[in-house]
N, C-alpha and C. Protein backbone atom coordinates (compact mmCIF):
# COMPACT_ATOMS: atom_id res chain seq x y z
N MET A 1 32.67 7.82 11.22
CA MET A 1 33.74 7.36 10.37
C MET A 1 33.23 7.09 8.95
N THR A 2 32.05 6.51 8.84
CA THR A 2 31.53 6.18 7.51
C THR A 2 30.39 7.09 7.07
N GLY A 3 29.83 7.83 7.99
CA GLY A 3 28.68 8.67 7.67
C GLY A 3 27.36 7.90 7.67
N CYS A 4 27.40 6.65 8.06
CA CYS A 4 26.20 5.81 8.09
C CYS A 4 25.22 6.33 9.14
N THR A 5 23.95 6.42 8.77
CA THR A 5 22.92 6.87 9.71
C THR A 5 21.90 5.77 10.02
N GLU A 6 22.11 4.58 9.51
CA GLU A 6 21.20 3.46 9.78
C GLU A 6 21.49 2.92 11.17
N ILE A 7 20.66 3.33 12.12
CA ILE A 7 20.90 3.00 13.53
C ILE A 7 20.99 1.50 13.79
N ASN A 8 20.37 0.68 12.96
CA ASN A 8 20.37 -0.77 13.17
C ASN A 8 21.73 -1.42 12.93
N VAL A 9 22.67 -0.71 12.30
CA VAL A 9 23.99 -1.29 12.05
C VAL A 9 25.10 -0.55 12.80
N LEU A 10 24.73 0.44 13.63
CA LEU A 10 25.73 1.21 14.37
C LEU A 10 25.96 0.59 15.75
N GLN A 11 27.21 0.61 16.17
CA GLN A 11 27.59 0.03 17.46
C GLN A 11 28.52 0.98 18.20
N ALA A 12 28.42 0.97 19.51
CA ALA A 12 29.38 1.68 20.34
C ALA A 12 30.62 0.79 20.48
N ALA A 13 31.75 1.32 20.07
CA ALA A 13 32.99 0.55 20.11
C ALA A 13 33.93 1.13 21.16
N HIS A 14 34.56 0.26 21.90
CA HIS A 14 35.59 0.70 22.85
C HIS A 14 36.89 0.91 22.08
N ILE A 15 37.59 1.98 22.38
CA ILE A 15 38.91 2.22 21.78
C ILE A 15 39.92 1.31 22.46
N THR A 16 40.03 1.44 23.78
CA THR A 16 40.80 0.50 24.58
C THR A 16 39.82 -0.61 24.96
N PRO A 17 40.17 -1.87 24.74
CA PRO A 17 39.21 -2.95 25.00
C PRO A 17 38.57 -2.86 26.38
N TYR A 18 37.31 -3.24 26.43
CA TYR A 18 36.54 -3.20 27.68
C TYR A 18 37.25 -4.02 28.75
N ASN A 19 37.41 -3.40 29.94
CA ASN A 19 38.05 -4.06 31.07
C ASN A 19 37.37 -3.56 32.35
N GLY A 20 36.06 -3.69 32.39
CA GLY A 20 35.31 -3.25 33.55
C GLY A 20 34.91 -1.78 33.46
N PRO A 21 34.27 -1.29 34.51
CA PRO A 21 33.72 0.07 34.52
C PRO A 21 34.73 1.18 34.21
N LYS A 22 36.00 0.99 34.54
CA LYS A 22 36.99 2.04 34.31
C LYS A 22 37.20 2.32 32.82
N THR A 23 36.89 1.37 31.97
CA THR A 23 37.05 1.56 30.52
C THR A 23 35.73 1.88 29.83
N ASN A 24 34.67 1.98 30.61
CA ASN A 24 33.35 2.18 30.04
C ASN A 24 32.93 3.65 30.19
N HIS A 25 33.57 4.53 29.42
CA HIS A 25 33.24 5.95 29.46
C HIS A 25 33.27 6.53 28.05
N VAL A 26 32.62 7.66 27.87
CA VAL A 26 32.41 8.23 26.54
C VAL A 26 33.71 8.50 25.80
N GLN A 27 34.77 8.90 26.49
CA GLN A 27 36.02 9.20 25.80
C GLN A 27 36.81 7.95 25.41
N ASN A 28 36.31 6.80 25.80
CA ASN A 28 36.90 5.54 25.35
C ASN A 28 35.98 4.87 24.33
N GLY A 29 35.16 5.66 23.69
CA GLY A 29 34.23 5.08 22.74
C GLY A 29 34.13 5.86 21.45
N ILE A 30 33.77 5.14 20.41
CA ILE A 30 33.45 5.75 19.12
C ILE A 30 32.28 4.97 18.52
N LEU A 31 31.50 5.65 17.71
CA LEU A 31 30.34 5.03 17.06
C LEU A 31 30.79 4.52 15.70
N LEU A 32 30.63 3.22 15.48
CA LEU A 32 31.07 2.61 14.23
C LEU A 32 29.99 1.71 13.65
N ARG A 33 30.00 1.59 12.35
CA ARG A 33 29.17 0.59 11.67
C ARG A 33 29.73 -0.77 12.07
N ALA A 34 28.87 -1.78 12.18
CA ALA A 34 29.27 -3.08 12.72
C ALA A 34 30.48 -3.68 12.01
N ASP A 35 30.52 -3.64 10.68
CA ASP A 35 31.64 -4.23 9.96
C ASP A 35 32.94 -3.46 10.21
N VAL A 36 32.85 -2.15 10.30
CA VAL A 36 34.03 -1.32 10.58
C VAL A 36 34.48 -1.54 12.02
N HIS A 37 33.53 -1.76 12.92
CA HIS A 37 33.85 -2.07 14.32
C HIS A 37 34.74 -3.33 14.37
N ASN A 38 34.36 -4.35 13.61
CA ASN A 38 35.17 -5.58 13.59
C ASN A 38 36.59 -5.31 13.10
N LEU A 39 36.72 -4.54 12.03
CA LEU A 39 38.05 -4.22 11.50
C LEU A 39 38.85 -3.38 12.49
N PHE A 40 38.19 -2.46 13.19
CA PHE A 40 38.84 -1.64 14.20
C PHE A 40 39.36 -2.53 15.34
N ASP A 41 38.52 -3.45 15.82
CA ASP A 41 38.93 -4.34 16.91
C ASP A 41 40.08 -5.25 16.49
N LEU A 42 40.16 -5.58 15.21
CA LEU A 42 41.24 -6.42 14.71
C LEU A 42 42.52 -5.62 14.42
N GLY A 43 42.46 -4.31 14.61
CA GLY A 43 43.62 -3.46 14.34
C GLY A 43 43.86 -3.20 12.86
N LEU A 44 42.84 -3.45 12.04
CA LEU A 44 42.99 -3.24 10.59
C LEU A 44 42.54 -1.86 10.15
N ILE A 45 41.82 -1.18 11.02
CA ILE A 45 41.45 0.22 10.81
C ILE A 45 41.78 0.95 12.10
N SER A 46 42.34 2.13 11.96
CA SER A 46 42.73 2.91 13.13
C SER A 46 42.52 4.39 12.85
N ILE A 47 42.68 5.18 13.92
CA ILE A 47 42.56 6.64 13.81
C ILE A 47 43.84 7.24 14.36
N ASP A 48 44.49 8.08 13.56
CA ASP A 48 45.67 8.81 14.02
C ASP A 48 45.18 9.90 14.98
N SER A 49 45.63 9.86 16.23
CA SER A 49 45.13 10.78 17.25
C SER A 49 45.55 12.23 17.00
N GLU A 50 46.60 12.45 16.25
CA GLU A 50 47.05 13.82 15.96
C GLU A 50 46.24 14.45 14.83
N SER A 51 46.09 13.73 13.73
CA SER A 51 45.40 14.28 12.55
C SER A 51 43.92 13.95 12.54
N MET A 52 43.52 12.97 13.36
CA MET A 52 42.14 12.46 13.38
C MET A 52 41.73 11.93 12.00
N ARG A 53 42.70 11.33 11.32
CA ARG A 53 42.45 10.70 10.03
C ARG A 53 42.41 9.19 10.19
N ILE A 54 41.59 8.58 9.37
CA ILE A 54 41.41 7.13 9.37
C ILE A 54 42.56 6.49 8.59
N HIS A 55 43.07 5.40 9.12
CA HIS A 55 44.09 4.62 8.42
C HIS A 55 43.58 3.20 8.26
N VAL A 56 43.67 2.71 7.04
CA VAL A 56 43.23 1.35 6.73
C VAL A 56 44.47 0.54 6.36
N SER A 57 44.64 -0.58 7.02
CA SER A 57 45.79 -1.44 6.76
C SER A 57 45.82 -1.89 5.30
N PRO A 58 47.02 -1.98 4.74
CA PRO A 58 47.15 -2.52 3.38
C PRO A 58 46.63 -3.95 3.26
N ARG A 59 46.52 -4.63 4.40
CA ARG A 59 45.98 -6.01 4.38
C ARG A 59 44.50 -6.04 4.04
N VAL A 60 43.83 -4.88 4.17
CA VAL A 60 42.41 -4.78 3.81
C VAL A 60 42.35 -4.38 2.35
N GLU A 61 41.85 -5.28 1.52
CA GLU A 61 41.88 -5.05 0.07
C GLU A 61 40.58 -4.51 -0.49
N ASP A 62 39.47 -4.70 0.19
CA ASP A 62 38.17 -4.30 -0.34
C ASP A 62 38.10 -2.78 -0.52
N SER A 63 37.69 -2.34 -1.70
CA SER A 63 37.68 -0.91 -2.03
C SER A 63 36.71 -0.11 -1.17
N ILE A 64 35.69 -0.74 -0.64
CA ILE A 64 34.75 -0.04 0.24
C ILE A 64 35.49 0.48 1.47
N TYR A 65 36.36 -0.35 2.02
CA TYR A 65 37.12 0.05 3.20
C TYR A 65 38.33 0.89 2.82
N ARG A 66 38.98 0.55 1.73
CA ARG A 66 40.15 1.32 1.27
C ARG A 66 39.76 2.79 1.07
N SER A 67 38.51 3.04 0.65
CA SER A 67 38.07 4.41 0.39
C SER A 67 38.00 5.26 1.66
N LEU A 68 38.01 4.62 2.82
CA LEU A 68 38.01 5.35 4.10
C LEU A 68 39.39 5.88 4.45
N ASP A 69 40.43 5.28 3.87
CA ASP A 69 41.81 5.63 4.22
C ASP A 69 42.08 7.11 3.97
N GLY A 70 42.52 7.81 5.02
CA GLY A 70 42.86 9.22 4.91
C GLY A 70 41.72 10.17 5.21
N ASN A 71 40.50 9.66 5.34
CA ASN A 71 39.36 10.53 5.65
C ASN A 71 39.45 11.04 7.08
N LEU A 72 38.92 12.23 7.29
CA LEU A 72 38.83 12.79 8.64
C LEU A 72 37.66 12.17 9.38
N VAL A 73 37.85 11.98 10.68
CA VAL A 73 36.78 11.47 11.54
C VAL A 73 35.87 12.63 11.91
N SER A 74 34.59 12.39 11.92
CA SER A 74 33.61 13.38 12.37
C SER A 74 33.59 13.37 13.89
N LEU A 75 33.75 14.55 14.49
CA LEU A 75 33.83 14.63 15.95
C LEU A 75 32.67 15.43 16.53
N PRO A 76 32.25 15.10 17.76
CA PRO A 76 31.22 15.89 18.43
C PRO A 76 31.72 17.31 18.69
N ASN A 77 30.81 18.27 18.71
CA ASN A 77 31.18 19.66 19.00
C ASN A 77 31.71 19.80 20.42
N ASP A 78 31.13 19.08 21.36
CA ASP A 78 31.54 19.12 22.76
C ASP A 78 32.84 18.34 22.94
N GLU A 79 33.91 19.03 23.28
CA GLU A 79 35.22 18.38 23.43
C GLU A 79 35.22 17.29 24.49
N ASN A 80 34.35 17.40 25.50
CA ASN A 80 34.26 16.37 26.54
C ASN A 80 33.65 15.07 26.04
N GLN A 81 33.03 15.11 24.86
CA GLN A 81 32.42 13.93 24.27
C GLN A 81 33.32 13.28 23.21
N ARG A 82 34.46 13.89 22.96
CA ARG A 82 35.37 13.39 21.93
C ARG A 82 36.23 12.24 22.44
N PRO A 83 36.66 11.37 21.53
CA PRO A 83 37.54 10.26 21.95
C PRO A 83 38.85 10.76 22.54
N SER A 84 39.34 10.06 23.51
CA SER A 84 40.61 10.38 24.17
C SER A 84 41.77 10.20 23.19
N HIS A 85 42.60 11.23 23.08
CA HIS A 85 43.79 11.13 22.22
C HIS A 85 44.73 10.05 22.73
N ILE A 86 44.79 9.89 24.05
CA ILE A 86 45.66 8.86 24.63
C ILE A 86 45.19 7.47 24.20
N ASN A 87 43.90 7.21 24.33
CA ASN A 87 43.37 5.90 23.94
C ASN A 87 43.55 5.66 22.45
N LEU A 88 43.26 6.69 21.64
CA LEU A 88 43.43 6.54 20.19
C LEU A 88 44.90 6.29 19.85
N ASN A 89 45.80 6.98 20.52
CA ASN A 89 47.22 6.80 20.26
C ASN A 89 47.66 5.38 20.59
N ASP A 90 47.18 4.84 21.71
CA ASP A 90 47.51 3.46 22.08
C ASP A 90 46.98 2.48 21.03
N GLN A 91 45.76 2.70 20.56
CA GLN A 91 45.18 1.82 19.55
C GLN A 91 45.95 1.95 18.24
N TYR A 92 46.35 3.17 17.88
CA TYR A 92 47.08 3.43 16.64
C TYR A 92 48.45 2.73 16.67
N LYS A 93 49.10 2.71 17.82
CA LYS A 93 50.39 2.01 17.95
C LYS A 93 50.21 0.53 17.66
N THR A 94 49.10 -0.04 18.11
CA THR A 94 48.80 -1.45 17.84
C THR A 94 48.62 -1.65 16.34
N TYR A 95 47.93 -0.71 15.70
CA TYR A 95 47.69 -0.76 14.26
C TYR A 95 49.02 -0.76 13.49
N LEU A 96 49.98 0.03 13.94
CA LEU A 96 51.25 0.17 13.23
C LEU A 96 52.12 -1.08 13.31
N LYS A 97 51.83 -1.98 14.24
CA LYS A 97 52.64 -3.20 14.41
C LYS A 97 52.44 -4.15 13.25
């Protein structure tokens, strides 16, 4: 999402909140920088599952985060390793509220 390569600040984030082993799989995860992970969990940053574009809530005013709005998400080449469109869509609906 951010292009960050500093492994010390990257975290595996659940798209659908962790709820035991059934939610702990690669298609329910995305790699995020720690600060972006927090905003994602708060529903202030989301990914449109159709366009795979980042959306940043207008409530987020900092230009560092605002600059992510509309950017395409970088996806793995292997489609089996990509985030689930269903999970992203559910998270995006929460973002739109």
